[in-house]
Amino acid sequence: MRHIFAFIWKHNFFFLFLVLEVVSLIFIANRSFYHRSVLSNVTDRFTGGVFTTWSGVTSYFSLKQENIRLANENARLQRILTKSEITSDTASFIVADTLYNQQYHYTVAKVIGNSTSRRDNYIMLNKGRKHGIQPDMAVISPDGVVGTVVSVSENFSWAMSMLNKHSRISARLGRINQMGTVVWDGGNPSVGTLQDIPAHVKVLPGDTITSSGFSYIFPEGIMVGTVEEIYIEEGAHFYTIYFRFSADMNSLRNVYLIKNLFREEQTELSKNVIDE
């Protein structure tokens, strides 16, 4: 510190000149609109350059985290490819004719509109009819289930978020293999409710909830969330289970739209059975 003061004292006339120069510029800018606009442009370019440089520096030092994110994304894609195959008994198989091998088709889309603070929340995506998008396609993020496509135009589509009072998603408690229904009661956009789990089974905090695959929309095993709290009213036969969504619904950027290539066939078969 002593050396710094000595340096300033040694060059005191230079620093005094700089201070007076800055004060003069401020006076000139305050008295003249033209000079104020010139000074403003100069300072804007300077600060813009500083922010750009700083952004580049921070981006460079965040490359490690970005690489980790990309690695996790690649792992997610590998799991998706595995789930895209039709299974025969307990084994997956691959054949040259992919027309009869792949049950689910994935399309990447960008989130261009999203709400989380309403009672009925929707997500707008930048893919539509011309990209092969149809209603009743599943929407997932790299972290888990997001919602379901409900409306499509030529270039865009609307998806009903899980944060919607009309959303009902068939789910499974992985550890105990119990089926339930995921709903959202409003309020916290990070917390959902799992219903229809019978009270005689043992549910624990930390249990994972995944898609059941029973809806003809979502593939089986897509992450939905993790159990946090379990309640049961006296005399009730089913739990009320609160869980944390695995996908951060407030920070969605890129998602996958999933088309079940056999959904029409499965739905038609179900109708025939019900009609009988």
C-alpha atoms as a PDB file:
ATOM      1  CA  MET A   1       0.000   0.000   0.000  1.00  0.00           C
ATOM      2  CA  ARG A   2       2.876   2.365   0.810  1.00  0.00           C
ATOM      3  CA  HIS A   3       4.352   1.775  -2.651  1.00  0.00           C
ATOM      4  CA  ILE A   4       1.004   2.609  -4.258  1.00  0.00           C
ATOM      5  CA  PHE A   5       0.780   5.943  -2.417  1.00  0.00           C
ATOM      6  CA  ALA A   6       4.404   6.687  -3.335  1.00  0.00           C
ATOM      7  CA  PHE A   7       3.633   5.991  -7.005  1.00  0.00           C
ATOM      8  CA  ILE A   8       0.568   8.263  -6.959  1.00  0.00           C
ATOM      9  CA  TRP A   9       2.526  11.046  -5.227  1.00  0.00           C
ATOM     10  CA  LYS A  10       5.350  10.716  -7.711  1.00  0.00           C
ATOM     11  CA  HIS A  11       2.946  11.171 -10.632  1.00  0.00           C
ATOM     12  CA  ASN A  12       0.493  13.454  -8.871  1.00  0.00           C
ATOM     13  CA  PHE A  13       0.380  16.007 -11.709  1.00  0.00           C
ATOM     14  CA  PHE A  14      -0.626  13.290 -14.188  1.00  0.00           C
ATOM     15  CA  PHE A  15      -3.428  11.984 -11.972  1.00  0.00           C
ATOM     16  CA  LEU A  16      -4.561  15.542 -11.227  1.00  0.00           C
ATOM     17  CA  PHE A  17      -4.744  16.153 -14.964  1.00  0.00           C
ATOM     18  CA  LEU A  18      -6.907  13.038 -15.428  1.00  0.00           C
ATOM     19  CA  VAL A  19      -9.281  14.070 -12.659  1.00  0.00           C
ATOM     20  CA  LEU A  20      -9.652  17.596 -14.076  1.00  0.00           C
ATOM     21  CA  GLU A  21     -10.164  16.140 -17.553  1.00  0.00           C
ATOM     22  CA  VAL A  22     -13.002  13.913 -16.337  1.00  0.00           C
ATOM     23  CA  VAL A  23     -14.608  16.810 -14.448  1.00  0.00           C
ATOM     24  CA  SER A  24     -14.379  18.986 -17.557  1.00  0.00           C
ATOM     25  CA  LEU A  25     -16.013  16.326 -19.704  1.00  0.00           C
ATOM     26  CA  ILE A  26     -18.834  15.996 -17.203  1.00  0.00           C
ATOM     27  CA  PHE A  27     -19.423  19.773 -17.205  1.00  0.00           C
ATOM     28  CA  ILE A  28     -19.367  19.891 -21.010  1.00  0.00           C
ATOM     29  CA  ALA A  29     -21.791  16.937 -21.275  1.00  0.00           C
ATOM     30  CA  ASN A  30     -24.222  18.546 -18.832  1.00  0.00           C
ATOM     31  CA  ARG A  31     -24.255  21.832 -20.752  1.00  0.00           C
ATOM     32  CA  SER A  32     -24.487  20.463 -24.301  1.00  0.00           C
ATOM     33  CA  PHE A  33     -26.848  17.787 -25.664  1.00  0.00           C
ATOM     34  CA  TYR A  34     -24.466  17.060 -28.554  1.00  0.00           C
ATOM     35  CA  HIS A  35     -21.466  16.492 -26.320  1.00  0.00           C
ATOM     36  CA  ARG A  36     -23.600  14.449 -23.932  1.00  0.00           C
ATOM     37  CA  SER A  37     -24.716  12.139 -26.760  1.00  0.00           C
ATOM     38  CA  VAL A  38     -21.117  11.762 -28.008  1.00  0.00           C
ATOM     39  CA  LEU A  39     -19.876  10.928 -24.520  1.00  0.00           C
ATOM     40  CA  SER A  40     -22.776   8.528 -24.008  1.00  0.00           C
ATOM     41  CA  ASN A  41     -21.933   6.678 -27.243  1.00  0.00           C
ATOM     42  CA  VAL A  42     -18.295   6.398 -26.236  1.00  0.00           C
ATOM     43  CA  THR A  43     -19.117   5.067 -22.780  1.00  0.00           C
ATOM     44  CA  ASP A  44     -21.708   2.665 -24.218  1.00  0.00           C
ATOM     45  CA  ARG A  45     -19.148   1.221 -26.618  1.00  0.00           C
ATOM     46  CA  PHE A  46     -16.625   0.925 -23.819  1.00  0.00           C
ATOM     47  CA  THR A  47     -18.981  -0.781 -21.391  1.00  0.00           C
ATOM     48  CA  GLY A  48     -20.326  -2.987 -24.179  1.00  0.00           C
ATOM     49  CA  GLY A  49     -16.805  -4.080 -24.995  1.00  0.00           C
ATOM     50  CA  VAL A  50     -16.114  -4.772 -21.330  1.00  0.00           C
ATOM     51  CA  PHE A  51     -19.293  -6.852 -20.944  1.00  0.00           C
ATOM     52  CA  THR A  52     -18.560  -8.748 -24.156  1.00  0.00           C
ATOM     53  CA  THR A  53     -15.039  -9.534 -22.995  1.00  0.00           C
ATOM     54  CA  TRP A  54     -16.279 -10.532 -19.559  1.00  0.00           C
ATOM     55  CA  SER A  55     -18.919 -12.783 -21.111  1.00  0.00           C
ATOM     56  CA  GLY A  56     -16.244 -14.463 -23.200  1.00  0.00           C
ATOM     57  CA  VAL A  57     -14.037 -14.978 -20.152  1.00  0.00           C
ATOM     58  CA  THR A  58     -16.851 -16.427 -18.047  1.00  0.00           C
ATOM     59  CA  SER A  59     -17.958 -18.655 -20.932  1.00  0.00           C
ATOM     60  CA  TYR A  60     -14.414 -19.993 -21.234  1.00  0.00           C
ATOM     61  CA  PHE A  61     -14.192 -20.822 -17.541  1.00  0.00           C
ATOM     62  CA  SER A  62     -17.646 -22.460 -17.640  1.00  0.00           C
ATOM     63  CA  LEU A  63     -16.594 -24.872 -20.392  1.00  0.00           C
ATOM     64  CA  LYS A  64     -16.104 -27.636 -17.836  1.00  0.00           C
ATOM     65  CA  GLN A  65     -19.692 -27.335 -16.616  1.00  0.00           C
ATOM     66  CA  GLU A  66     -20.902 -27.108 -20.215  1.00  0.00           C
ATOM     67  CA  ASN A  67     -19.001 -30.276 -21.124  1.00  0.00           C
ATOM     68  CA  ILE A  68     -20.562 -32.052 -18.148  1.00  0.00           C
ATOM     69  CA  ARG A  69     -24.005 -30.905 -19.290  1.00  0.00           C
ATOM     70  CA  LEU A  70     -23.356 -32.155 -22.825  1.00  0.00           C
ATOM     71  CA  ALA A  71     -22.096 -35.479 -21.490  1.00  0.00           C
ATOM     72  CA  ASN A  72     -25.282 -35.887 -19.451  1.00  0.00           C
ATOM     73  CA  GLU A  73     -27.306 -34.952 -22.528  1.00  0.00           C
ATOM     74  CA  ASN A  74     -25.518 -37.616 -24.589  1.00  0.00           C
ATOM     75  CA  ALA A  75     -26.226 -40.166 -21.891  1.00  0.00           C
ATOM     76  CA  ARG A  76     -29.875 -39.130 -21.986  1.00  0.00           C
ATOM     77  CA  LEU A  77     -29.959 -39.585 -25.759  1.00  0.00           C
ATOM     78  CA  GLN A  78     -28.486 -43.049 -25.407  1.00  0.00           C
ATOM     79  CA  ARG A  79     -31.248 -43.984 -22.980  1.00  0.00           C
ATOM     80  CA  ILE A  80     -33.816 -42.542 -25.374  1.00  0.00           C
ATOM     81  CA  LEU A  81     -32.464 -44.660 -28.227  1.00  0.00           C
ATOM     82  CA  THR A  82     -32.751 -47.748 -26.043  1.00  0.00           C
ATOM     83  CA  LYS A  83     -36.356 -46.957 -25.161  1.00  0.00           C
ATOM     84  CA  SER A  84     -37.232 -46.388 -28.813  1.00  0.00           C
ATOM     85  CA  GLU A  85     -36.964 -50.085 -29.563  1.00  0.00           C
ATOM     86  CA  ILE A  86     -39.904 -52.456 -29.323  1.00  0.00           C
ATOM     87  CA  THR A  87     -39.193 -55.207 -26.822  1.00  0.00           C
ATOM     88  CA  SER A  88     -39.920 -58.882 -27.314  1.00  0.00           C
ATOM     89  CA  ASP A  89     -40.368 -60.585 -23.956  1.00  0.00           C
ATOM     90  CA  THR A  90     -37.498 -59.173 -21.871  1.00  0.00           C
ATOM     91  CA  ALA A  91     -34.913 -58.457 -24.609  1.00  0.00           C
ATOM     92  CA  SER A  92     -34.541 -55.543 -26.999  1.00  0.00           C
ATOM     93  CA  PHE A  93     -33.746 -56.291 -30.586  1.00  0.00           C
ATOM     94  CA  ILE A  94     -32.489 -54.341 -33.590  1.00  0.00           C
ATOM     95  CA  VAL A  95     -33.311 -55.171 -37.190  1.00  0.00           C
ATOM     96  CA  ALA A  96     -32.281 -53.545 -40.452  1.00  0.00           C
ATOM     97  CA  ASP A  97     -35.842 -52.485 -41.264  1.00  0.00           C
ATOM     98  CA  THR A  98     -36.331 -49.613 -38.839  1.00  0.00           C
ATOM     99  CA  LEU A  99     -39.923 -49.114 -39.989  1.00  0.00           C
ATOM    100  CA  TYR A 100     -41.006 -52.018 -37.769  1.00  0.00           C
ATOM    101  CA  ASN A 101     -38.374 -51.629 -35.093  1.00  0.00           C
ATOM    102  CA  GLN A 102     -38.840 -48.109 -33.775  1.00  0.00           C
ATOM    103  CA  GLN A 103     -41.932 -47.403 -31.726  1.00  0.00           C
ATOM    104  CA  TYR A 104     -41.138 -43.815 -30.719  1.00  0.00           C
ATOM    105  CA  HIS A 105     -39.920 -41.002 -32.939  1.00  0.00           C
ATOM    106  CA  TYR A 106     -38.161 -38.009 -31.341  1.00  0.00           C
ATOM    107  CA  THR A 107     -38.103 -34.415 -32.617  1.00  0.00           C
ATOM    108  CA  VAL A 108     -36.058 -31.663 -30.977  1.00  0.00           C
ATOM    109  CA  ALA A 109     -37.877 -28.363 -30.394  1.00  0.00           C
ATOM    110  CA  LYS A 110     -37.096 -25.037 -28.781  1.00  0.00           C
ATOM    111  CA  VAL A 111     -39.288 -23.498 -26.093  1.00  0.00           C
ATOM    112  CA  ILE A 112     -40.321 -20.010 -27.259  1.00  0.00           C
ATOM    113  CA  GLY A 113     -43.064 -19.371 -24.704  1.00  0.00           C
ATOM    114  CA  ASN A 114     -43.682 -20.746 -21.232  1.00  0.00           C
ATOM    115  CA  SER A 115     -45.651 -19.921 -18.096  1.00  0.00           C
ATOM    116  CA  THR A 116     -45.432 -21.372 -14.583  1.00  0.00           C
ATOM    117  CA  SER A 117     -47.339 -18.877 -12.423  1.00  0.00           C
ATOM    118  CA  ARG A 118     -50.886 -19.571 -13.641  1.00  0.00           C
ATOM    119  CA  ARG A 119     -53.315 -22.319 -12.707  1.00  0.00           C
ATOM    120  CA  ASP A 120     -53.337 -23.570 -16.310  1.00  0.00           C
ATOM    121  CA  ASN A 121     -49.868 -23.296 -17.835  1.00  0.00           C
ATOM    122  CA  TYR A 122     -48.909 -23.929 -21.460  1.00  0.00           C
ATOM    123  CA  ILE A 123     -45.667 -24.067 -23.453  1.00  0.00           C
ATOM    124  CA  MET A 124     -45.193 -22.802 -27.022  1.00  0.00           C
ATOM    125  CA  LEU A 125     -42.701 -24.687 -29.213  1.00  0.00           C
ATOM    126  CA  ASN A 126     -41.067 -23.759 -32.524  1.00  0.00           C
ATOM    127  CA  LYS A 127     -42.122 -26.949 -34.322  1.00  0.00           C
ATOM    128  CA  GLY A 128     -45.492 -27.561 -35.950  1.00  0.00           C
ATOM    129  CA  ARG A 129     -47.476 -29.569 -38.461  1.00  0.00           C
ATOM    130  CA  LYS A 130     -44.907 -29.284 -41.239  1.00  0.00           C
ATOM    131  CA  HIS A 131     -42.340 -30.838 -38.887  1.00  0.00           C
ATOM    132  CA  GLY A 132     -44.577 -33.839 -38.222  1.00  0.00           C
ATOM    133  CA  ILE A 133     -45.915 -32.601 -34.883  1.00  0.00           C
ATOM    134  CA  GLN A 134     -49.416 -33.741 -33.888  1.00  0.00           C
ATOM    135  CA  PRO A 135     -51.660 -33.412 -30.823  1.00  0.00           C
ATOM    136  CA  ASP A 136     -51.144 -36.009 -28.082  1.00  0.00           C
ATOM    137  CA  MET A 137     -47.389 -36.173 -28.564  1.00  0.00           C
ATOM    138  CA  ALA A 138     -45.322 -36.332 -25.385  1.00  0.00           C
ATOM    139  CA  VAL A 139     -42.981 -33.495 -24.431  1.00  0.00           C
ATOM    140  CA  ILE A 140     -39.917 -34.203 -22.321  1.00  0.00           C
ATOM    141  CA  SER A 141     -36.721 -32.375 -21.397  1.00  0.00           C
ATOM    142  CA  PRO A 142     -33.302 -33.935 -20.782  1.00  0.00           C
ATOM    143  CA  ASP A 143     -34.349 -34.066 -17.099  1.00  0.00           C
ATOM    144  CA  GLY A 144     -37.801 -35.607 -17.417  1.00  0.00           C
ATOM    145  CA  VAL A 145     -41.469 -35.291 -18.351  1.00  0.00           C
ATOM    146  CA  VAL A 146     -42.708 -31.806 -19.303  1.00  0.00           C
ATOM    147  CA  GLY A 147     -46.197 -32.118 -20.803  1.00  0.00           C
ATOM    148  CA  THR A 148     -48.349 -33.080 -23.796  1.00  0.00           C
ATOM    149  CA  VAL A 149     -48.990 -31.395 -27.166  1.00  0.00           C
ATOM    150  CA  VAL A 150     -52.591 -30.159 -27.363  1.00  0.00           C
ATOM    151  CA  SER A 151     -52.688 -27.822 -30.387  1.00  0.00           C
ATOM    152  CA  VAL A 152     -50.660 -27.529 -33.594  1.00  0.00           C
ATOM    153  CA  SER A 153     -50.324 -24.952 -36.388  1.00  0.00           C
ATOM    154  CA  GLU A 154     -48.154 -25.141 -39.479  1.00  0.00           C
ATOM    155  CA  ASN A 155     -44.993 -23.910 -37.754  1.00  0.00           C
ATOM    156  CA  PHE A 156     -45.730 -23.962 -34.024  1.00  0.00           C
ATOM    157  CA  SER A 157     -47.367 -26.062 -31.334  1.00  0.00           C
ATOM    158  CA  TRP A 158     -48.841 -25.594 -27.867  1.00  0.00           C
ATOM    159  CA  ALA A 159     -48.138 -28.099 -25.135  1.00  0.00           C
ATOM    160  CA  MET A 160     -50.101 -28.450 -21.915  1.00  0.00           C
ATOM    161  CA  SER A 161     -47.532 -28.285 -19.145  1.00  0.00           C
ATOM    162  CA  MET A 162     -47.626 -30.645 -16.176  1.00  0.00           C
ATOM    163  CA  LEU A 163     -48.349 -27.403 -14.288  1.00  0.00           C
ATOM    164  CA  ASN A 164     -51.951 -27.476 -15.455  1.00  0.00           C
ATOM    165  CA  LYS A 165     -55.081 -28.532 -13.551  1.00  0.00           C
ATOM    166  CA  HIS A 166     -56.179 -30.654 -16.534  1.00  0.00           C
ATOM    167  CA  SER A 167     -52.904 -32.598 -16.735  1.00  0.00           C
ATOM    168  CA  ARG A 168     -53.080 -36.274 -15.778  1.00  0.00           C
ATOM    169  CA  ILE A 169     -50.040 -38.479 -16.343  1.00  0.00           C
ATOM    170  CA  SER A 170     -49.864 -42.178 -15.584  1.00  0.00           C
ATOM    171  CA  ALA A 171     -46.788 -42.844 -13.455  1.00  0.00           C
ATOM    172  CA  ARG A 172     -45.029 -45.586 -11.544  1.00  0.00           C
ATOM    173  CA  LEU A 173     -43.225 -45.662  -8.201  1.00  0.00           C
ATOM    174  CA  GLY A 174     -40.083 -47.443  -9.301  1.00  0.00           C
ATOM    175  CA  ARG A 175     -38.934 -49.126  -6.087  1.00  0.00           C
ATOM    176  CA  ILE A 176     -42.269 -50.758  -5.287  1.00  0.00           C
ATOM    177  CA  ASN A 177     -43.677 -50.877  -8.842  1.00  0.00           C
ATOM    178  CA  GLN A 178     -46.969 -49.191  -7.892  1.00  0.00           C
ATOM    179  CA  MET A 179     -49.102 -47.294 -10.412  1.00  0.00           C
ATOM    180  CA  GLY A 180     -50.485 -43.826  -9.744  1.00  0.00           C
ATOM    181  CA  THR A 181     -51.537 -40.549 -11.355  1.00  0.00           C
ATOM    182  CA  VAL A 182     -49.474 -37.357 -11.412  1.00  0.00           C
ATOM    183  CA  VAL A 183     -51.388 -34.094 -10.985  1.00  0.00           C
ATOM    184  CA  TRP A 184     -50.542 -30.515 -10.022  1.00  0.00           C
ATOM    185  CA  ASP A 185     -52.532 -28.795  -7.295  1.00  0.00           C
ATOM    186  CA  GLY A 186     -51.257 -25.307  -8.074  1.00  0.00           C
ATOM    187  CA  GLY A 187     -48.905 -23.142  -6.072  1.00  0.00           C
ATOM    188  CA  ASN A 188     -45.286 -24.298  -6.102  1.00  0.00           C
ATOM    189  CA  PRO A 189     -44.194 -25.004  -9.733  1.00  0.00           C
ATOM    190  CA  SER A 190     -41.521 -27.398  -8.453  1.00  0.00           C
ATOM    191  CA  VAL A 191     -43.865 -29.727  -6.546  1.00  0.00           C
ATOM    192  CA  GLY A 192     -46.451 -32.170  -7.897  1.00  0.00           C
ATOM    193  CA  THR A 193     -48.820 -34.704  -6.343  1.00  0.00           C
ATOM    194  CA  LEU A 194     -48.941 -38.449  -6.913  1.00  0.00           C
ATOM    195  CA  GLN A 195     -52.384 -39.963  -6.314  1.00  0.00           C
ATOM    196  CA  ASP A 196     -53.939 -43.448  -6.225  1.00  0.00           C
ATOM    197  CA  ILE A 197     -51.085 -45.173  -4.367  1.00  0.00           C
ATOM    198  CA  PRO A 198     -52.663 -47.637  -1.886  1.00  0.00           C
ATOM    199  CA  ALA A 199     -51.947 -47.112   1.800  1.00  0.00           C
ATOM    200  CA  HIS A 200     -50.835 -50.693   2.436  1.00  0.00           C
ATOM    201  CA  VAL A 201     -47.541 -50.253   0.514  1.00  0.00           C
ATOM    202  CA  LYS A 202     -44.479 -48.578   2.026  1.00  0.00           C
ATOM    203  CA  VAL A 203     -43.522 -45.341   0.276  1.00  0.00           C
ATOM    204  CA  LEU A 204     -40.297 -43.588   1.283  1.00  0.00           C
ATOM    205  CA  PRO A 205     -38.870 -40.105   0.667  1.00  0.00           C
ATOM    206  CA  GLY A 206     -36.414 -40.331  -2.200  1.00  0.00           C
ATOM    207  CA  ASP A 207     -38.422 -42.913  -4.144  1.00  0.00           C
ATOM    208  CA  THR A 208     -38.356 -42.125  -7.861  1.00  0.00           C
ATOM    209  CA  ILE A 209     -41.444 -41.601 -10.008  1.00  0.00           C
ATOM    210  CA  THR A 210     -41.308 -42.414 -13.729  1.00  0.00           C
ATOM    211  CA  SER A 211     -43.782 -42.606 -16.607  1.00  0.00           C
ATOM    212  CA  SER A 212     -45.647 -45.908 -16.698  1.00  0.00           C
ATOM    213  CA  GLY A 213     -45.941 -46.263 -20.472  1.00  0.00           C
ATOM    214  CA  PHE A 214     -49.656 -47.100 -20.096  1.00  0.00           C
ATOM    215  CA  SER A 215     -50.985 -43.946 -21.774  1.00  0.00           C
ATOM    216  CA  TYR A 216     -49.797 -44.632 -25.392  1.00  0.00           C
ATOM    217  CA  ILE A 217     -48.193 -41.160 -25.194  1.00  0.00           C
ATOM    218  CA  PHE A 218     -45.119 -41.363 -22.955  1.00  0.00           C
ATOM    219  CA  PRO A 219     -42.548 -44.123 -23.258  1.00  0.00           C
ATOM    220  CA  GLU A 220     -42.035 -46.140 -20.108  1.00  0.00           C
ATOM    221  CA  GLY A 221     -39.393 -45.065 -17.619  1.00  0.00           C
ATOM    222  CA  ILE A 222     -39.114 -41.309 -18.310  1.00  0.00           C
ATOM    223  CA  MET A 223     -38.223 -39.536 -15.067  1.00  0.00           C
ATOM    224  CA  VAL A 224     -41.020 -37.505 -13.466  1.00  0.00           C
ATOM    225  CA  GLY A 225     -39.774 -36.679  -9.974  1.00  0.00           C
ATOM    226  CA  THR A 226     -38.635 -37.724  -6.513  1.00  0.00           C
ATOM    227  CA  VAL A 227     -40.852 -38.279  -3.465  1.00  0.00           C
ATOM    228  CA  GLU A 228     -40.455 -35.677  -0.705  1.00  0.00           C
ATOM    229  CA  GLU A 229     -43.466 -35.981   1.633  1.00  0.00           C
ATOM    230  CA  ILE A 230     -46.098 -38.674   2.248  1.00  0.00           C
ATOM    231  CA  TYR A 231     -49.472 -38.060   3.929  1.00  0.00           C
ATOM    232  CA  ILE A 232     -52.488 -40.198   4.665  1.00  0.00           C
ATOM    233  CA  GLU A 233     -55.685 -39.092   6.344  1.00  0.00           C
ATOM    234  CA  GLU A 234     -57.178 -41.250   9.053  1.00  0.00           C
ATOM    235  CA  GLY A 235     -59.349 -43.942   7.508  1.00  0.00           C
ATOM    236  CA  ALA A 236     -58.125 -43.191   3.970  1.00  0.00           C
ATOM    237  CA  HIS A 237     -57.087 -45.988   1.631  1.00  0.00           C
ATOM    238  CA  PHE A 238     -54.687 -43.990  -0.537  1.00  0.00           C
ATOM    239  CA  TYR A 239     -51.678 -41.780   0.119  1.00  0.00           C
ATOM    240  CA  THR A 240     -51.274 -38.143  -0.825  1.00  0.00           C
ATOM    241  CA  ILE A 241     -47.670 -37.991  -2.021  1.00  0.00           C
ATOM    242  CA  TYR A 242     -45.844 -34.751  -2.740  1.00  0.00           C
ATOM    243  CA  PHE A 243     -42.825 -34.972  -5.005  1.00  0.00           C
ATOM    244  CA  ARG A 244     -40.328 -32.630  -6.669  1.00  0.00           C
ATOM    245  CA  PHE A 245     -40.407 -32.492 -10.459  1.00  0.00           C
ATOM    246  CA  SER A 246     -37.150 -33.701 -12.010  1.00  0.00           C
ATOM    247  CA  ALA A 247     -37.495 -31.117 -14.804  1.00  0.00           C
ATOM    248  CA  ASP A 248     -37.171 -27.444 -13.888  1.00  0.00           C
ATOM    249  CA  MET A 249     -40.307 -26.145 -15.569  1.00  0.00           C
ATOM    250  CA  ASN A 250     -39.212 -22.526 -15.220  1.00  0.00           C
ATOM    251  CA  SER A 251     -35.935 -22.879 -17.154  1.00  0.00           C
ATOM    252  CA  LEU A 252     -36.955 -24.997 -20.152  1.00  0.00           C
ATOM    253  CA  ARG A 253     -35.023 -24.278 -23.343  1.00  0.00           C
ATOM    254  CA  ASN A 254     -34.858 -27.365 -25.572  1.00  0.00           C
ATOM    255  CA  VAL A 255     -37.261 -30.291 -25.393  1.00  0.00           C
ATOM    256  CA  TYR A 256     -38.059 -33.516 -27.228  1.00  0.00           C
ATOM    257  CA  LEU A 257     -41.428 -34.170 -28.862  1.00  0.00           C
ATOM    258  CA  ILE A 258     -42.197 -37.893 -28.875  1.00  0.00           C
ATOM    259  CA  LYS A 259     -44.538 -39.576 -31.342  1.00  0.00           C
ATOM    260  CA  ASN A 260     -45.760 -43.088 -30.640  1.00  0.00           C
ATOM    261  CA  LEU A 261     -45.777 -44.610 -34.129  1.00  0.00           C
ATOM    262  CA  PHE A 262     -48.217 -47.316 -33.011  1.00  0.00           C
ATOM    263  CA  ARG A 263     -50.557 -45.134 -30.955  1.00  0.00           C
ATOM    264  CA  GLU A 264     -53.388 -45.254 -33.494  1.00  0.00           C
ATOM    265  CA  GLU A 265     -53.170 -49.040 -33.669  1.00  0.00           C
ATOM    266  CA  GLN A 266     -53.074 -49.369 -29.873  1.00  0.00           C
ATOM    267  CA  THR A 267     -56.008 -46.968 -29.432  1.00  0.00           C
ATOM    268  CA  GLU A 268     -58.094 -48.774 -32.051  1.00  0.00           C
ATOM    269  CA  LEU A 269     -57.413 -52.115 -30.403  1.00  0.00           C
ATOM    270  CA  SER A 270     -58.463 -50.700 -27.005  1.00  0.00           C
ATOM    271  CA  LYS A 271     -61.717 -49.404 -28.515  1.00  0.00           C
ATOM    272  CA  ASN A 272     -62.519 -52.814 -29.961  1.00  0.00           C
ATOM    273  CA  VAL A 273     -62.010 -54.466 -26.572  1.00  0.00           C
ATOM    274  CA  ILE A 274     -64.127 -51.859 -24.777  1.00  0.00           C
ATOM    275  CA  ASP A 275     -66.905 -52.083 -27.400  1.00  0.00           C
ATOM    276  CA  GLU A 276     -67.082 -55.826 -26.905  1.00  0.00           C
END
